[in-house]
Amino acid sequence: LVCKAVRDDLKLTLVEPRQKKVSFLRHIIRILELHDVKVLN
């Protein structure tokens, strides 16, 4: 997600089994207005 934050064209799939961390990831994606990011819980 750090790389995606500085490279808009990067397509990204994040795999994270812990729901609390997934919530944080989705928060960062939302406030940074990132696109082409999939978070798989």
Full PDB file with SEQRES, HELIX, SHEET, SSBOND, CRYST1, ORIGX, SCALE, CONECT and MASTER records, all heavy atoms in Angstrom:
SEQRES   1 A   41  LEU VAL CYS LYS ALA VAL ARG ASP ASP LEU LYS LEU THR          
SEQRES   2 A   41  LEU VAL GLU PRO ARG GLN LYS LYS VAL SER PHE LEU ARG          
SEQRES   3 A   41  HIS ILE ILE ARG ILE LEU GLU LEU HIS ASP VAL LYS VAL          
SEQRES   4 A   41  LEU ASN                                                      
HELIX    1 AA1 VAL A    2  VAL A    6  1                                   5    
HELIX    2 AA2 GLN A   19  ILE A   31  1                                  13    
SHEET    1 AA1 2 LEU A  12  VAL A  15  0                                        
SHEET    2 AA1 2 VAL A  37  LEU A  40  1                                        
CRYST1    1.000    1.000    1.000  90.00  90.00  90.00 P 1           1          
ORIGX1      1.000000  0.000000  0.000000        0.00000                         
ORIGX2      0.000000  1.000000  0.000000        0.00000                         
ORIGX3      0.000000  0.000000  1.000000        0.00000                         
SCALE1      1.000000  0.000000  0.000000        0.00000                         
SCALE2      0.000000  1.000000  0.000000        0.00000                         
SCALE3      0.000000  0.000000  1.000000        0.00000                         
ATOM      1  N   LEU A   1       0.820  -1.208   0.000  1.00  0.00           N  
ATOM      2  CA  LEU A   1       0.000   0.000   0.000  1.00  0.00           C  
ATOM      3  C   LEU A   1       0.857   1.262   0.000  1.00  0.00           C  
ATOM      4  O   LEU A   1       0.455   2.288  -0.550  1.00  0.00           O  
ATOM      5  CB  LEU A   1      -0.955  -0.013   1.194  1.00  0.00           C  
ATOM      6  CG  LEU A   1      -2.135   0.961   1.118  1.00  0.00           C  
ATOM      7  CD1 LEU A   1      -2.949   0.746  -0.146  1.00  0.00           C  
ATOM      8  CD2 LEU A   1      -3.022   0.820   2.348  1.00  0.00           C  
ATOM      9  N   VAL A   2       2.032   1.196   0.593  1.00  0.00           N  
ATOM     10  CA  VAL A   2       2.953   2.337   0.551  1.00  0.00           C  
ATOM     11  C   VAL A   2       3.371   2.606  -0.897  1.00  0.00           C  
ATOM     12  O   VAL A   2       3.390   3.758  -1.356  1.00  0.00           O  
ATOM     13  CB  VAL A   2       4.195   2.085   1.430  1.00  0.00           C  
ATOM     14  CG1 VAL A   2       5.223   3.197   1.257  1.00  0.00           C  
ATOM     15  CG2 VAL A   2       3.791   1.980   2.901  1.00  0.00           C  
ATOM     16  N   CYS A   3       3.679   1.551  -1.637  1.00  0.00           N  
ATOM     17  CA  CYS A   3       4.054   1.719  -3.050  1.00  0.00           C  
ATOM     18  C   CYS A   3       2.884   2.258  -3.866  1.00  0.00           C  
ATOM     19  O   CYS A   3       3.056   3.127  -4.726  1.00  0.00           O  
ATOM     20  CB  CYS A   3       4.534   0.393  -3.627  1.00  0.00           C  
ATOM     21  SG  CYS A   3       6.120  -0.167  -2.962  1.00  0.00           S  
ATOM     22  N   LYS A   4       1.692   1.755  -3.603  1.00  0.00           N  
ATOM     23  CA  LYS A   4       0.504   2.227  -4.322  1.00  0.00           C  
ATOM     24  C   LYS A   4       0.247   3.701  -4.055  1.00  0.00           C  
ATOM     25  O   LYS A   4      -0.185   4.445  -4.954  1.00  0.00           O  
ATOM     26  CB  LYS A   4      -0.713   1.391  -3.907  1.00  0.00           C  
ATOM     27  CG  LYS A   4      -2.039   1.872  -4.477  1.00  0.00           C  
ATOM     28  CD  LYS A   4      -2.070   1.800  -5.990  1.00  0.00           C  
ATOM     29  CE  LYS A   4      -3.420   2.286  -6.518  1.00  0.00           C  
ATOM     30  NZ  LYS A   4      -3.473   2.273  -8.005  1.00  0.00           N  
ATOM     31  N   ALA A   5       0.529   4.161  -2.840  1.00  0.00           N  
ATOM     32  CA  ALA A   5       0.287   5.555  -2.471  1.00  0.00           C  
ATOM     33  C   ALA A   5       1.101   6.526  -3.308  1.00  0.00           C  
ATOM     34  O   ALA A   5       0.739   7.698  -3.425  1.00  0.00           O  
ATOM     35  CB  ALA A   5       0.579   5.764  -0.985  1.00  0.00           C  
ATOM     36  N   VAL A   6       2.204   6.047  -3.904  1.00  0.00           N  
ATOM     37  CA  VAL A   6       3.056   6.935  -4.701  1.00  0.00           C  
ATOM     38  C   VAL A   6       3.070   6.558  -6.178  1.00  0.00           C  
ATOM     39  O   VAL A   6       3.697   7.240  -6.979  1.00  0.00           O  
ATOM     40  CB  VAL A   6       4.510   6.963  -4.159  1.00  0.00           C  
ATOM     41  CG1 VAL A   6       4.525   7.356  -2.698  1.00  0.00           C  
ATOM     42  CG2 VAL A   6       5.203   5.613  -4.339  1.00  0.00           C  
ATOM     43  N   ARG A   7       2.369   5.487  -6.518  1.00  0.00           N  
ATOM     44  CA  ARG A   7       2.325   5.058  -7.923  1.00  0.00           C  
ATOM     45  C   ARG A   7       0.894   4.698  -8.296  1.00  0.00           C  
ATOM     46  O   ARG A   7       0.430   3.576  -8.089  1.00  0.00           O  
ATOM     47  CB  ARG A   7       3.268   3.872  -8.140  1.00  0.00           C  
ATOM     48  CG  ARG A   7       3.302   3.443  -9.584  1.00  0.00           C  
ATOM     49  CD  ARG A   7       4.378   2.442  -9.889  1.00  0.00           C  
ATOM     50  NE  ARG A   7       4.050   1.771 -11.130  1.00  0.00           N  
ATOM     51  CZ  ARG A   7       4.793   0.832 -11.691  1.00  0.00           C  
ATOM     52  NH1 ARG A   7       5.932   0.456 -11.125  1.00  0.00           N  
ATOM     53  NH2 ARG A   7       4.417   0.255 -12.818  1.00  0.00           N  
ATOM     54  N   ASP A   8       0.205   5.664  -8.854  1.00  0.00           N  
ATOM     55  CA  ASP A   8      -1.221   5.543  -9.121  1.00  0.00           C  
ATOM     56  C   ASP A   8      -1.545   4.426 -10.102  1.00  0.00           C  
ATOM     57  O   ASP A   8      -2.607   3.807 -10.029  1.00  0.00           O  
ATOM     58  CB  ASP A   8      -1.761   6.877  -9.642  1.00  0.00           C  
ATOM     59  CG  ASP A   8      -3.260   6.870  -9.792  1.00  0.00           C  
ATOM     60  OD1 ASP A   8      -3.959   6.646  -8.778  1.00  0.00           O  
ATOM     61  OD2 ASP A   8      -3.750   7.057 -10.921  1.00  0.00           O  
ATOM     62  N   ASP A   9      -0.637   4.138 -11.058  1.00  0.00           N  
ATOM     63  CA  ASP A   9      -0.928   3.135 -12.078  1.00  0.00           C  
ATOM     64  C   ASP A   9      -0.748   1.697 -11.589  1.00  0.00           C  
ATOM     65  O   ASP A   9      -1.105   0.759 -12.287  1.00  0.00           O  
ATOM     66  CB  ASP A   9      -0.042   3.355 -13.309  1.00  0.00           C  
ATOM     67  CG  ASP A   9       1.416   3.016 -13.020  1.00  0.00           C  
ATOM     68  OD1 ASP A   9       1.976   3.610 -12.078  1.00  0.00           O  
ATOM     69  OD2 ASP A   9       1.986   2.156 -13.716  1.00  0.00           O  
ATOM     70  N   LEU A  10      -0.216   1.529 -10.409  1.00  0.00           N  
ATOM     71  CA  LEU A  10       0.019   0.185  -9.876  1.00  0.00           C  
ATOM     72  C   LEU A  10      -1.305  -0.474  -9.496  1.00  0.00           C  
ATOM     73  O   LEU A  10      -2.111   0.090  -8.748  1.00  0.00           O  
ATOM     74  CB  LEU A  10       0.923   0.265  -8.640  1.00  0.00           C  
ATOM     75  CG  LEU A  10       1.202  -1.049  -7.900  1.00  0.00           C  
ATOM     76  CD1 LEU A  10       2.002  -2.001  -8.780  1.00  0.00           C  
ATOM     77  CD2 LEU A  10       1.955  -0.778  -6.594  1.00  0.00           C  
ATOM     78  N   LYS A  11      -1.532  -1.670 -10.026  1.00  0.00           N  
ATOM     79  CA  LYS A  11      -2.686  -2.460  -9.604  1.00  0.00           C  
ATOM     80  C   LYS A  11      -2.251  -3.299  -8.410  1.00  0.00           C  
ATOM     81  O   LYS A  11      -1.170  -3.900  -8.431  1.00  0.00           O  
ATOM     82  CB  LYS A  11      -3.161  -3.356 -10.753  1.00  0.00           C  
ATOM     83  CG  LYS A  11      -4.502  -4.025 -10.490  1.00  0.00           C  
ATOM     84  CD  LYS A  11      -5.006  -4.743 -11.738  1.00  0.00           C  
ATOM     85  CE  LYS A  11      -6.372  -5.365 -11.488  1.00  0.00           C  
ATOM     86  NZ  LYS A  11      -6.874  -6.053 -12.700  1.00  0.00           N  
ATOM     87  N   LEU A  12      -3.080  -3.341  -7.379  1.00  0.00           N  
ATOM     88  CA  LEU A  12      -2.643  -3.933  -6.110  1.00  0.00           C  
ATOM     89  C   LEU A  12      -3.704  -4.840  -5.509  1.00  0.00           C  
ATOM     90  O   LEU A  12      -4.883  -4.488  -5.455  1.00  0.00           O  
ATOM     91  CB  LEU A  12      -2.309  -2.803  -5.116  1.00  0.00           C  
ATOM     92  CG  LEU A  12      -1.860  -3.196  -3.715  1.00  0.00           C  
ATOM     93  CD1 LEU A  12      -0.526  -3.950  -3.753  1.00  0.00           C  
ATOM     94  CD2 LEU A  12      -1.736  -1.955  -2.839  1.00  0.00           C  
ATOM     95  N   THR A  13      -3.270  -6.015  -5.070  1.00  0.00           N  
ATOM     96  CA  THR A  13      -4.123  -6.917  -4.296  1.00  0.00           C  
ATOM     97  C   THR A  13      -3.450  -7.166  -2.955  1.00  0.00           C  
ATOM     98  O   THR A  13      -2.309  -7.629  -2.911  1.00  0.00           O  
ATOM     99  CB  THR A  13      -4.344  -8.251  -5.030  1.00  0.00           C  
ATOM    100  OG1 THR A  13      -5.012  -8.008  -6.277  1.00  0.00           O  
ATOM    101  CG2 THR A  13      -5.190  -9.193  -4.183  1.00  0.00           C  
ATOM    102  N   LEU A  14      -4.149  -6.832  -1.885  1.00  0.00           N  
ATOM    103  CA  LEU A  14      -3.645  -7.009  -0.525  1.00  0.00           C  
ATOM    104  C   LEU A  14      -4.356  -8.186   0.126  1.00  0.00           C  
ATOM    105  O   LEU A  14      -5.587  -8.269   0.090  1.00  0.00           O  
ATOM    106  CB  LEU A  14      -3.895  -5.751   0.315  1.00  0.00           C  
ATOM    107  CG  LEU A  14      -3.291  -4.438  -0.206  1.00  0.00           C  
ATOM    108  CD1 LEU A  14      -3.822  -3.260   0.605  1.00  0.00           C  
ATOM    109  CD2 LEU A  14      -1.774  -4.493  -0.153  1.00  0.00           C  
ATOM    110  N   VAL A  15      -3.598  -9.096   0.714  1.00  0.00           N  
ATOM    111  CA  VAL A  15      -4.172 -10.241   1.428  1.00  0.00           C  
ATOM    112  C   VAL A  15      -3.855 -10.087   2.905  1.00  0.00           C  
ATOM    113  O   VAL A  15      -2.678 -10.005   3.291  1.00  0.00           O  
ATOM    114  CB  VAL A  15      -3.606 -11.573   0.889  1.00  0.00           C  
ATOM    115  CG1 VAL A  15      -4.133 -12.742   1.708  1.00  0.00           C  
ATOM    116  CG2 VAL A  15      -3.964 -11.747  -0.576  1.00  0.00           C  
ATOM    117  N   GLU A  16      -4.885 -10.025   3.724  1.00  0.00           N  
ATOM    118  CA  GLU A  16      -4.706  -9.833   5.162  1.00  0.00           C  
ATOM    119  C   GLU A  16      -5.850 -10.519   5.912  1.00  0.00           C  
ATOM    120  O   GLU A  16      -7.012 -10.135   5.775  1.00  0.00           O  
ATOM    121  CB  GLU A  16      -4.684  -8.334   5.499  1.00  0.00           C  
ATOM    122  CG  GLU A  16      -4.632  -8.011   6.979  1.00  0.00           C  
ATOM    123  CD  GLU A  16      -3.549  -8.776   7.719  1.00  0.00           C  
ATOM    124  OE1 GLU A  16      -2.381  -8.728   7.283  1.00  0.00           O  
ATOM    125  OE2 GLU A  16      -3.870  -9.439   8.722  1.00  0.00           O  
ATOM    126  N   PRO A  17      -5.537 -11.562   6.695  1.00  0.00           N  
ATOM    127  CA  PRO A  17      -6.596 -12.324   7.363  1.00  0.00           C  
ATOM    128  C   PRO A  17      -7.196 -11.666   8.610  1.00  0.00           C  
ATOM    129  O   PRO A  17      -8.270 -12.066   9.052  1.00  0.00           O  
ATOM    130  CB  PRO A  17      -5.891 -13.638   7.733  1.00  0.00           C  
ATOM    131  CG  PRO A  17      -4.455 -13.261   7.879  1.00  0.00           C  
ATOM    132  CD  PRO A  17      -4.209 -12.180   6.863  1.00  0.00           C  
ATOM    133  N   ARG A  18      -6.531 -10.659   9.168  1.00  0.00           N  
ATOM    134  CA  ARG A  18      -7.017 -10.052  10.411  1.00  0.00           C  
ATOM    135  C   ARG A  18      -7.913  -8.858  10.115  1.00  0.00           C  
ATOM    136  O   ARG A  18      -7.494  -7.875   9.520  1.00  0.00           O  
ATOM    137  CB  ARG A  18      -5.826  -9.634  11.280  1.00  0.00           C  
ATOM    138  CG  ARG A  18      -5.082 -10.845  11.865  1.00  0.00           C  
ATOM    139  CD  ARG A  18      -3.649 -10.536  12.204  1.00  0.00           C  
ATOM    140  NE  ARG A  18      -2.846 -10.293  11.006  1.00  0.00           N  
ATOM    141  CZ  ARG A  18      -1.522 -10.235  10.992  1.00  0.00           C  
ATOM    142  NH1 ARG A  18      -0.855 -10.404  12.106  1.00  0.00           N  
ATOM    143  NH2 ARG A  18      -0.871 -10.003   9.865  1.00  0.00           N  
ATOM    144  N   GLN A  19      -9.175  -8.948  10.564  1.00  0.00           N  
ATOM    145  CA  GLN A  19     -10.194  -7.979  10.199  1.00  0.00           C  
ATOM    146  C   GLN A  19      -9.860  -6.562  10.655  1.00  0.00           C  
ATOM    147  O   GLN A  19     -10.131  -5.584   9.942  1.00  0.00           O  
ATOM    148  CB  GLN A  19     -11.550  -8.402  10.781  1.00  0.00           C  
ATOM    149  CG  GLN A  19     -12.692  -7.460  10.417  1.00  0.00           C  
ATOM    150  CD  GLN A  19     -12.883  -7.314   8.919  1.00  0.00           C  
ATOM    151  OE1 GLN A  19     -12.960  -8.304   8.192  1.00  0.00           O  
ATOM    152  NE2 GLN A  19     -12.951  -6.075   8.431  1.00  0.00           N  
ATOM    153  N   LYS A  20      -9.275  -6.406  11.836  1.00  0.00           N  
ATOM    154  CA  LYS A  20      -8.962  -5.054  12.325  1.00  0.00           C  
ATOM    155  C   LYS A  20      -7.954  -4.365  11.414  1.00  0.00           C  
ATOM    156  O   LYS A  20      -8.040  -3.159  11.164  1.00  0.00           O  
ATOM    157  CB  LYS A  20      -8.434  -5.122  13.761  1.00  0.00           C  
ATOM    158  CG  LYS A  20      -9.499  -5.506  14.775  1.00  0.00           C  
ATOM    159  CD  LYS A  20      -8.953  -5.523  16.188  1.00  0.00           C  
ATOM    160  CE  LYS A  20     -10.041  -5.866  17.190  1.00  0.00           C  
ATOM    161  NZ  LYS A  20      -9.523  -5.908  18.586  1.00  0.00           N  
ATOM    162  N   LYS A  21      -6.992  -5.121  10.914  1.00  0.00           N  
ATOM    163  CA  LYS A  21      -6.022  -4.531   9.995  1.00  0.00           C  
ATOM    164  C   LYS A  21      -6.648  -4.252   8.630  1.00  0.00           C  
ATOM    165  O   LYS A  21      -6.302  -3.266   7.971  1.00  0.00           O  
ATOM    166  CB  LYS A  21      -4.794  -5.434   9.876  1.00  0.00           C  
ATOM    167  CG  LYS A  21      -4.013  -5.496  11.184  1.00  0.00           C  
ATOM    168  CD  LYS A  21      -2.699  -6.236  11.067  1.00  0.00           C  
ATOM    169  CE  LYS A  21      -1.942  -6.166  12.397  1.00  0.00           C  
ATOM    170  NZ  LYS A  21      -0.626  -6.829  12.341  1.00  0.00           N  
ATOM    171  N   VAL A  22      -7.579  -5.090   8.226  1.00  0.00           N  
ATOM    172  CA  VAL A  22      -8.311  -4.843   6.991  1.00  0.00           C  
ATOM    173  C   VAL A  22      -9.069  -3.518   7.086  1.00  0.00           C  
ATOM    174  O   VAL A  22      -9.114  -2.734   6.126  1.00  0.00           O  
ATOM    175  CB  VAL A  22      -9.281  -6.010   6.692  1.00  0.00           C  
ATOM    176  CG1 VAL A  22     -10.281  -5.632   5.604  1.00  0.00           C  
ATOM    177  CG2 VAL A  22      -8.492  -7.254   6.271  1.00  0.00           C  
ATOM    178  N   SER A  23      -9.654  -3.248   8.239  1.00  0.00           N  
ATOM    179  CA  SER A  23     -10.373  -1.983   8.436  1.00  0.00           C  
ATOM    180  C   SER A  23      -9.439  -0.799   8.280  1.00  0.00           C  
ATOM    181  O   SER A  23      -9.800   0.220   7.666  1.00  0.00           O  
ATOM    182  CB  SER A  23     -11.022  -1.952   9.830  1.00  0.00           C  
ATOM    183  OG  SER A  23     -11.990  -2.964   9.952  1.00  0.00           O  
ATOM    184  N   PHE A  24      -8.226  -0.919   8.806  1.00  0.00           N  
ATOM    185  CA  PHE A  24      -7.245   0.154   8.656  1.00  0.00           C  
ATOM    186  C   PHE A  24      -6.856   0.332   7.185  1.00  0.00           C  
ATOM    187  O   PHE A  24      -6.778   1.461   6.681  1.00  0.00           O  
ATOM    188  CB  PHE A  24      -6.002  -0.128   9.495  1.00  0.00           C  
ATOM    189  CG  PHE A  24      -4.882   0.843   9.261  1.00  0.00           C  
ATOM    190  CD1 PHE A  24      -4.944   2.126   9.765  1.00  0.00           C  
ATOM    191  CD2 PHE A  24      -3.766   0.482   8.500  1.00  0.00           C  
ATOM    192  CE1 PHE A  24      -3.916   3.051   9.528  1.00  0.00           C  
ATOM    193  CE2 PHE A  24      -2.736   1.381   8.263  1.00  0.00           C  
ATOM    194  CZ  PHE A  24      -2.817   2.668   8.781  1.00  0.00           C  
ATOM    195  N   LEU A  25      -6.611  -0.762   6.499  1.00  0.00           N  
ATOM    196  CA  LEU A  25      -6.241  -0.693   5.088  1.00  0.00           C  
ATOM    197  C   LEU A  25      -7.314   0.019   4.267  1.00  0.00           C  
ATOM    198  O   LEU A  25      -7.012   0.896   3.446  1.00  0.00           O  
ATOM    199  CB  LEU A  25      -6.025  -2.105   4.528  1.00  0.00           C  
ATOM    200  CG  LEU A  25      -4.850  -2.904   5.101  1.00  0.00           C  
ATOM    201  CD1 LEU A  25      -4.906  -4.350   4.603  1.00  0.00           C  
ATOM    202  CD2 LEU A  25      -3.516  -2.268   4.730  1.00  0.00           C  
ATOM    203  N   ARG A  26      -8.560  -0.331   4.504  1.00  0.00           N  
ATOM    204  CA  ARG A  26      -9.649   0.290   3.754  1.00  0.00           C  
ATOM    205  C   ARG A  26      -9.782   1.777   4.095  1.00  0.00           C  
ATOM    206  O   ARG A  26     -10.139   2.587   3.237  1.00  0.00           O  
ATOM    207  CB  ARG A  26     -10.947  -0.471   4.019  1.00  0.00           C  
ATOM    208  CG  ARG A  26     -10.926  -1.846   3.339  1.00  0.00           C  
ATOM    209  CD  ARG A  26     -12.144  -2.672   3.625  1.00  0.00           C  
ATOM    210  NE  ARG A  26     -12.115  -3.910   2.818  1.00  0.00           N  
ATOM    211  CZ  ARG A  26     -12.731  -5.029   3.147  1.00  0.00           C  
ATOM    212  NH1 ARG A  26     -13.443  -5.096   4.278  1.00  0.00           N  
ATOM    213  NH2 ARG A  26     -12.646  -6.099   2.365  1.00  0.00           N  
ATOM    214  N   HIS A  27      -9.470   2.117   5.331  1.00  0.00           N  
ATOM    215  CA  HIS A  27      -9.473   3.528   5.734  1.00  0.00           C  
ATOM    216  C   HIS A  27      -8.415   4.312   4.959  1.00  0.00           C  
ATOM    217  O   HIS A  27      -8.692   5.402   4.442  1.00  0.00           O  
ATOM    218  CB  HIS A  27      -9.222   3.625   7.245  1.00  0.00           C  
ATOM    219  CG  HIS A  27      -9.002   5.009   7.740  1.00  0.00           C  
ATOM    220  ND1 HIS A  27     -10.008   5.952   7.791  1.00  0.00           N  
ATOM    221  CD2 HIS A  27      -7.877   5.639   8.211  1.00  0.00           C  
ATOM    222  CE1 HIS A  27      -9.531   7.095   8.259  1.00  0.00           C  
ATOM    223  NE2 HIS A  27      -8.246   6.930   8.525  1.00  0.00           N  
ATOM    224  N   ILE A  28      -7.203   3.768   4.873  1.00  0.00           N  
ATOM    225  CA  ILE A  28      -6.126   4.450   4.147  1.00  0.00           C  
ATOM    226  C   ILE A  28      -6.474   4.566   2.660  1.00  0.00           C  
ATOM    227  O   ILE A  28      -6.271   5.617   2.036  1.00  0.00           O  
ATOM    228  CB  ILE A  28      -4.788   3.705   4.324  1.00  0.00           C  
ATOM    229  CG1 ILE A  28      -4.331   3.757   5.791  1.00  0.00           C  
ATOM    230  CG2 ILE A  28      -3.715   4.300   3.409  1.00  0.00           C  
ATOM    231  CD1 ILE A  28      -4.039   5.154   6.297  1.00  0.00           C  
ATOM    232  N   ILE A  29      -7.000   3.516   2.081  1.00  0.00           N  
ATOM    233  CA  ILE A  29      -7.395   3.543   0.670  1.00  0.00           C  
ATOM    234  C   ILE A  29      -8.428   4.641   0.431  1.00  0.00           C  
ATOM    235  O   ILE A  29      -8.360   5.375  -0.572  1.00  0.00           O  
ATOM    236  CB  ILE A  29      -7.950   2.164   0.246  1.00  0.00           C  
ATOM    237  CG1 ILE A  29      -6.824   1.127   0.240  1.00  0.00           C  
ATOM    238  CG2 ILE A  29      -8.620   2.234  -1.129  1.00  0.00           C  
ATOM    239  CD1 ILE A  29      -7.308  -0.311   0.182  1.00  0.00           C  
ATOM    240  N   ARG A  30      -9.353   4.778   1.370  1.00  0.00           N  
ATOM    241  CA  ARG A  30     -10.413   5.780   1.225  1.00  0.00           C  
ATOM    242  C   ARG A  30      -9.872   7.205   1.365  1.00  0.00           C  
ATOM    243  O   ARG A  30     -10.152   8.057   0.518  1.00  0.00           O  
ATOM    244  CB  ARG A  30     -11.500   5.531   2.274  1.00  0.00           C  
ATOM    245  CG  ARG A  30     -12.700   6.463   2.169  1.00  0.00           C  
ATOM    246  CD  ARG A  30     -13.823   6.035   3.080  1.00  0.00           C  
ATOM    247  NE  ARG A  30     -13.425   6.017   4.484  1.00  0.00           N  
ATOM    248  CZ  ARG A  30     -13.198   4.916   5.182  1.00  0.00           C  
ATOM    249  NH1 ARG A  30     -13.316   3.726   4.614  1.00  0.00           N  
ATOM    250  NH2 ARG A  30     -12.856   4.980   6.465  1.00  0.00           N  
ATOM    251  N   ILE A  31      -9.076   7.468   2.388  1.00  0.00           N  
ATOM    252  CA  ILE A  31      -8.639   8.855   2.607  1.00  0.00           C  
ATOM    253  C   ILE A  31      -7.591   9.299   1.588  1.00  0.00           C  
ATOM    254  O   ILE A  31      -7.472  10.494   1.302  1.00  0.00           O  
ATOM    255  CB  ILE A  31      -8.113   9.079   4.050  1.00  0.00           C  
ATOM    256  CG1 ILE A  31      -6.827   8.297   4.296  1.00  0.00           C  
ATOM    257  CG2 ILE A  31      -9.167   8.759   5.078  1.00  0.00           C  
ATOM    258  CD1 ILE A  31      -6.135   8.703   5.571  1.00  0.00           C  
ATOM    259  N   LEU A  32      -6.848   8.348   1.009  1.00  0.00           N  
ATOM    260  CA  LEU A  32      -5.879   8.696  -0.028  1.00  0.00           C  
ATOM    261  C   LEU A  32      -6.499   8.649  -1.416  1.00  0.00           C  
ATOM    262  O   LEU A  32      -5.820   8.948  -2.406  1.00  0.00           O  
ATOM    263  CB  LEU A  32      -4.657   7.769   0.035  1.00  0.00           C  
ATOM    264  CG  LEU A  32      -3.803   7.839   1.301  1.00  0.00           C  
ATOM    265  CD1 LEU A  32      -2.552   6.970   1.152  1.00  0.00           C  
ATOM    266  CD2 LEU A  32      -3.413   9.270   1.651  1.00  0.00           C  
ATOM    267  N   GLU A  33      -7.777   8.236  -1.473  1.00  0.00           N  
ATOM    268  CA  GLU A  33      -8.522   8.166  -2.739  1.00  0.00           C  
ATOM    269  C   GLU A  33      -7.801   7.301  -3.773  1.00  0.00           C  
ATOM    270  O   GLU A  33      -7.611   7.681  -4.933  1.00  0.00           O  
ATOM    271  CB  GLU A  33      -8.776   9.579  -3.295  1.00  0.00           C  
ATOM    272  CG  GLU A  33      -9.588  10.440  -2.342  1.00  0.00           C  
ATOM    273  CD  GLU A  33      -9.846  11.843  -2.883  1.00  0.00           C  
ATOM    274  OE1 GLU A  33      -9.385  12.145  -4.010  1.00  0.00           O  
ATOM    275  OE2 GLU A  33     -10.505  12.634  -2.199  1.00  0.00           O  
ATOM    276  N   LEU A  34      -7.423   6.101  -3.334  1.00  0.00           N  
ATOM    277  CA  LEU A  34      -6.696   5.176  -4.199  1.00  0.00           C  
ATOM    278  C   LEU A  34      -7.666   4.297  -4.987  1.00  0.00           C  
ATOM    279  O   LEU A  34      -8.738   3.927  -4.494  1.00  0.00           O  
ATOM    280  CB  LEU A  34      -5.761   4.309  -3.364  1.00  0.00           C  
ATOM    281  CG  LEU A  34      -4.720   5.055  -2.524  1.00  0.00           C  
ATOM    282  CD1 LEU A  34      -3.910   4.078  -1.689  1.00  0.00           C  
ATOM    283  CD2 LEU A  34      -3.801   5.899  -3.404  1.00  0.00           C  
ATOM    284  N   HIS A  35      -7.275   3.954  -6.199  1.00  0.00           N  
ATOM    285  CA  HIS A  35      -8.093   3.112  -7.070  1.00  0.00           C  
ATOM    286  C   HIS A  35      -7.299   1.865  -7.475  1.00  0.00           C  
ATOM    287  O   HIS A  35      -6.085   1.811  -7.323  1.00  0.00           O  
ATOM    288  CB  HIS A  35      -8.520   3.894  -8.309  1.00  0.00           C  
ATOM    289  CG  HIS A  35      -9.239   5.169  -7.996  1.00  0.00           C  
ATOM    290  ND1 HIS A  35     -10.560   5.215  -7.594  1.00  0.00           N  
ATOM    291  CD2 HIS A  35      -8.800   6.462  -7.994  1.00  0.00           C  
ATOM    292  CE1 HIS A  35     -10.910   6.465  -7.377  1.00  0.00           C  
ATOM    293  NE2 HIS A  35      -9.869   7.252  -7.601  1.00  0.00           N  
ATOM    294  N   ASP A  36      -8.001   0.868  -8.003  1.00  0.00           N  
ATOM    295  CA  ASP A  36      -7.378  -0.396  -8.421  1.00  0.00           C  
ATOM    296  C   ASP A  36      -6.654  -1.081  -7.270  1.00  0.00           C  
ATOM    297  O   ASP A  36      -5.551  -1.615  -7.431  1.00  0.00           O  
ATOM    298  CB  ASP A  36      -6.405  -0.172  -9.588  1.00  0.00           C  
ATOM    299  CG  ASP A  36      -7.116   0.040 -10.909  1.00  0.00           C  
ATOM    300  OD1 ASP A  36      -8.230  -0.502 -11.065  1.00  0.00           O  
ATOM    301  OD2 ASP A  36      -6.579   0.746 -11.775  1.00  0.00           O  
ATOM    302  N   VAL A  37      -7.285  -1.049  -6.093  1.00  0.00           N  
ATOM    303  CA  VAL A  37      -6.757  -1.766  -4.926  1.00  0.00           C  
ATOM    304  C   VAL A  37      -7.834  -2.723  -4.426  1.00  0.00           C  
ATOM    305  O   VAL A  37      -8.970  -2.315  -4.184  1.00  0.00           O  
ATOM    306  CB  VAL A  37      -6.372  -0.819  -3.768  1.00  0.00           C  
ATOM    307  CG1 VAL A  37      -5.748  -1.620  -2.622  1.00  0.00           C  
ATOM    308  CG2 VAL A  37      -5.421   0.264  -4.243  1.00  0.00           C  
ATOM    309  N   LYS A  38      -7.489  -3.991  -4.306  1.00  0.00           N  
ATOM    310  CA  LYS A  38      -8.406  -4.993  -3.762  1.00  0.00           C  
ATOM    311  C   LYS A  38      -7.842  -5.494  -2.440  1.00  0.00           C  
ATOM    312  O   LYS A  38      -6.669  -5.857  -2.351  1.00  0.00           O  
ATOM    313  CB  LYS A  38      -8.557  -6.155  -4.751  1.00  0.00           C  
ATOM    314  CG  LYS A  38      -9.530  -7.237  -4.302  1.00  0.00           C  
ATOM    315  CD  LYS A  38      -9.569  -8.396  -5.290  1.00  0.00           C  
ATOM    316  CE  LYS A  38     -10.195  -7.986  -6.604  1.00  0.00           C  
ATOM    317  NZ  LYS A  38     -10.366  -9.162  -7.508  1.00  0.00           N  
ATOM    318  N   VAL A  39      -8.690  -5.515  -1.410  1.00  0.00           N  
ATOM    319  CA  VAL A  39      -8.291  -6.034  -0.098  1.00  0.00           C  
ATOM    320  C   VAL A  39      -9.065  -7.326   0.145  1.00  0.00           C  
ATOM    321  O   VAL A  39     -10.302  -7.322   0.178  1.00  0.00           O  
ATOM    322  CB  VAL A  39      -8.585  -5.027   1.034  1.00  0.00           C  
ATOM    323  CG1 VAL A  39      -8.112  -5.586   2.375  1.00  0.00           C  
ATOM    324  CG2 VAL A  39      -7.914  -3.683   0.755  1.00  0.00           C  
ATOM    325  N   LEU A  40      -8.337  -8.424   0.300  1.00  0.00           N  
ATOM    326  CA  LEU A  40      -8.964  -9.720   0.545  1.00  0.00           C  
ATOM    327  C   LEU A  40      -8.743 -10.136   1.985  1.00  0.00           C  
ATOM    328  O   LEU A  40      -7.608 -10.305   2.431  1.00  0.00           O  
ATOM    329  CB  LEU A  40      -8.381 -10.769  -0.404  1.00  0.00           C  
ATOM    330  CG  LEU A  40      -8.602 -10.529  -1.898  1.00  0.00           C  
ATOM    331  CD1 LEU A  40      -7.947 -11.642  -2.714  1.00  0.00           C  
ATOM    332  CD2 LEU A  40     -10.082 -10.417  -2.234  1.00  0.00           C  
ATOM    333  N   ASN A  41      -9.834 -10.292   2.713  1.00  0.00           N  
ATOM    334  CA  ASN A  41      -9.773 -10.706   4.116  1.00  0.00           C  
ATOM    335  C   ASN A  41      -9.765 -12.242   4.166  1.00  0.00           C  
ATOM    336  O   ASN A  41     -10.768 -12.883   4.473  1.00  0.00           O  
ATOM    337  CB  ASN A  41     -10.983 -10.125   4.850  1.00  0.00           C  
ATOM    338  CG  ASN A  41     -10.983 -10.418   6.328  1.00  0.00           C  
ATOM    339  OD1 ASN A  41     -12.014 -10.360   6.978  1.00  0.00           O  
ATOM    340  ND2 ASN A  41      -9.832 -10.726   6.905  1.00  0.00           N  
TER     341      ASN A  41                                                      
MASTER        0    0    0    2    2    0    0    6  340    1    0    4          
END                                                                             
